[in-house]
Amino acid sequence: MECEMTETKTHTICIAAEFCKGCAICTTVCPEDLLKIDHSRLNTQGYHPVCVDDAQLCVGCGNCTIMCPDNALAVDISIEQAG
C-alpha cells in the first residue's frame, strides 16, 4: 500500500489516498476533528480523499483506522511511546 506518511513525535499517520472513497466516517470519529475531505483533489477512482488538517495535534487514538471500511488509514504508535 502506497501511502502519504506524516510523522509526529509519538506516532506516524499513513493515508492511502488511492484506497479512500471519501465516505468521511473517519472525520466523524476523530476526537480532535483533524481529518477533512480534501475537495481540492481526486484520486484515480474519482473520489476526494481524506487528509490530516494538523497532524501534530493527533492524539494517536486510532479511531480512524478502526472505522475506515477501506483500510485507507493507519496510525502507528512509536515503540518509545508505547513502552
C-alpha atoms as a PDB file:
ATOM      1  CA  MET A   1       0.000   0.000   0.000  1.00  0.00           C
ATOM      2  CA  GLU A   2       1.440   3.334  -1.050  1.00  0.00           C
ATOM      3  CA  CYS A   3       0.606   5.999   1.490  1.00  0.00           C
ATOM      4  CA  GLU A   4       1.209   9.592   2.445  1.00  0.00           C
ATOM      5  CA  MET A   5       3.045   9.436   5.759  1.00  0.00           C
ATOM      6  CA  THR A   6       3.037  12.158   8.369  1.00  0.00           C
ATOM      7  CA  GLU A   7       5.218  11.757  11.429  1.00  0.00           C
ATOM      8  CA  THR A   8       4.609  13.317  14.810  1.00  0.00           C
ATOM      9  CA  LYS A   9       6.717  12.972  17.969  1.00  0.00           C
ATOM     10  CA  THR A  10       4.772   9.920  19.115  1.00  0.00           C
ATOM     11  CA  HIS A  11       3.316   8.231  16.046  1.00  0.00           C
ATOM     12  CA  THR A  12       3.034   8.026  12.278  1.00  0.00           C
ATOM     13  CA  ILE A  13      -0.151   8.648  10.312  1.00  0.00           C
ATOM     14  CA  CYS A  14      -0.452   6.884   6.963  1.00  0.00           C
ATOM     15  CA  ILE A  15      -3.186   7.761   4.480  1.00  0.00           C
ATOM     16  CA  ALA A  16      -3.554   5.611   1.366  1.00  0.00           C
ATOM     17  CA  ALA A  17      -5.419   8.188  -0.721  1.00  0.00           C
ATOM     18  CA  GLU A  18      -5.955   5.729  -3.585  1.00  0.00           C
ATOM     19  CA  PHE A  19      -7.990   3.436  -1.291  1.00  0.00           C
ATOM     20  CA  CYS A  20     -10.063   6.271   0.184  1.00  0.00           C
ATOM     21  CA  LYS A  21     -13.624   6.622  -1.120  1.00  0.00           C
ATOM     22  CA  GLY A  22     -14.285   9.869   0.724  1.00  0.00           C
ATOM     23  CA  CYS A  23     -17.018   8.381   2.907  1.00  0.00           C
ATOM     24  CA  ALA A  24     -15.962  10.705   5.784  1.00  0.00           C
ATOM     25  CA  ILE A  25     -16.553   8.131   8.524  1.00  0.00           C
ATOM     26  CA  CYS A  26     -13.059   8.830   9.853  1.00  0.00           C
ATOM     27  CA  THR A  27     -13.803  12.549  10.067  1.00  0.00           C
ATOM     28  CA  THR A  28     -16.701  11.876  12.428  1.00  0.00           C
ATOM     29  CA  VAL A  29     -14.764   9.667  14.859  1.00  0.00           C
ATOM     30  CA  CYS A  30     -11.646  11.824  15.218  1.00  0.00           C
ATOM     31  CA  PRO A  31     -11.803  13.319  18.746  1.00  0.00           C
ATOM     32  CA  GLU A  32      -9.603  16.230  17.666  1.00  0.00           C
ATOM     33  CA  ASP A  33     -11.533  16.909  14.420  1.00  0.00           C
ATOM     34  CA  LEU A  34      -8.303  16.749  12.394  1.00  0.00           C
ATOM     35  CA  LEU A  35      -9.427  14.721   9.393  1.00  0.00           C
ATOM     36  CA  LYS A  36     -11.025  16.517   6.466  1.00  0.00           C
ATOM     37  CA  ILE A  37     -12.127  15.527   2.984  1.00  0.00           C
ATOM     38  CA  ASP A  38      -9.735  17.140   0.519  1.00  0.00           C
ATOM     39  CA  HIS A  39     -12.077  18.694  -2.049  1.00  0.00           C
ATOM     40  CA  SER A  40      -9.115  20.125  -3.957  1.00  0.00           C
ATOM     41  CA  ARG A  41      -8.066  16.775  -5.435  1.00  0.00           C
ATOM     42  CA  LEU A  42      -9.357  13.453  -6.728  1.00  0.00           C
ATOM     43  CA  ASN A  43      -7.744  10.035  -6.513  1.00  0.00           C
ATOM     44  CA  THR A  44      -7.629   7.696  -9.517  1.00  0.00           C
ATOM     45  CA  GLN A  45     -11.008   6.243  -8.519  1.00  0.00           C
ATOM     46  CA  GLY A  46     -12.584   9.699  -8.778  1.00  0.00           C
ATOM     47  CA  TYR A  47     -13.071  10.255  -5.041  1.00  0.00           C
ATOM     48  CA  HIS A  48     -11.983  13.139  -2.838  1.00  0.00           C
ATOM     49  CA  PRO A  49      -9.631  11.501  -0.308  1.00  0.00           C
ATOM     50  CA  VAL A  50      -9.216  12.383   3.328  1.00  0.00           C
ATOM     51  CA  CYS A  51      -6.307  14.487   4.604  1.00  0.00           C
ATOM     52  CA  VAL A  52      -4.945  15.465   8.022  1.00  0.00           C
ATOM     53  CA  ASP A  53      -5.504  19.081   8.986  1.00  0.00           C
ATOM     54  CA  ASP A  54      -2.770  19.371  11.668  1.00  0.00           C
ATOM     55  CA  ALA A  55      -1.020  16.071  12.346  1.00  0.00           C
ATOM     56  CA  GLN A  56       0.869  17.415  15.347  1.00  0.00           C
ATOM     57  CA  LEU A  57      -2.444  17.650  17.241  1.00  0.00           C
ATOM     58  CA  CYS A  58      -3.316  13.998  16.590  1.00  0.00           C
ATOM     59  CA  VAL A  59      -3.556  12.009  19.840  1.00  0.00           C
ATOM     60  CA  GLY A  60      -2.959   8.676  18.082  1.00  0.00           C
ATOM     61  CA  CYS A  61      -6.192   7.061  19.312  1.00  0.00           C
ATOM     62  CA  GLY A  62      -6.597   5.015  16.108  1.00  0.00           C
ATOM     63  CA  ASN A  63     -10.358   5.569  15.822  1.00  0.00           C
ATOM     64  CA  CYS A  64      -9.898   6.446  12.143  1.00  0.00           C
ATOM     65  CA  THR A  65      -8.008   3.219  11.484  1.00  0.00           C
ATOM     66  CA  ILE A  66     -10.651   1.117  13.231  1.00  0.00           C
ATOM     67  CA  MET A  67     -13.603   2.733  11.471  1.00  0.00           C
ATOM     68  CA  CYS A  68     -12.271   3.068   7.911  1.00  0.00           C
ATOM     69  CA  PRO A  69     -14.130   0.499   5.773  1.00  0.00           C
ATOM     70  CA  ASP A  70     -11.445   0.664   3.063  1.00  0.00           C
ATOM     71  CA  ASN A  71      -8.318   0.402   5.252  1.00  0.00           C
ATOM     72  CA  ALA A  72      -7.128   3.714   3.863  1.00  0.00           C
ATOM     73  CA  LEU A  73      -5.796   4.986   7.218  1.00  0.00           C
ATOM     74  CA  ALA A  74      -3.264   3.721   9.732  1.00  0.00           C
ATOM     75  CA  VAL A  75      -1.874   5.219  12.927  1.00  0.00           C
ATOM     76  CA  ASP A  76       1.300   3.590  14.210  1.00  0.00           C
ATOM     77  CA  ILE A  77       2.436   4.374  17.750  1.00  0.00           C
ATOM     78  CA  SER A  78       6.212   4.552  18.146  1.00  0.00           C
ATOM     79  CA  ILE A  79       7.974   1.929  20.245  1.00  0.00           C
ATOM     80  CA  GLU A  80       9.354   4.551  22.637  1.00  0.00           C
ATOM     81  CA  GLN A  81       5.873   5.931  23.354  1.00  0.00           C
ATOM     82  CA  ALA A  82       4.184   2.542  23.673  1.00  0.00           C
ATOM     83  CA  GLY A  83       6.793   1.089  26.041  1.00  0.00           C
END
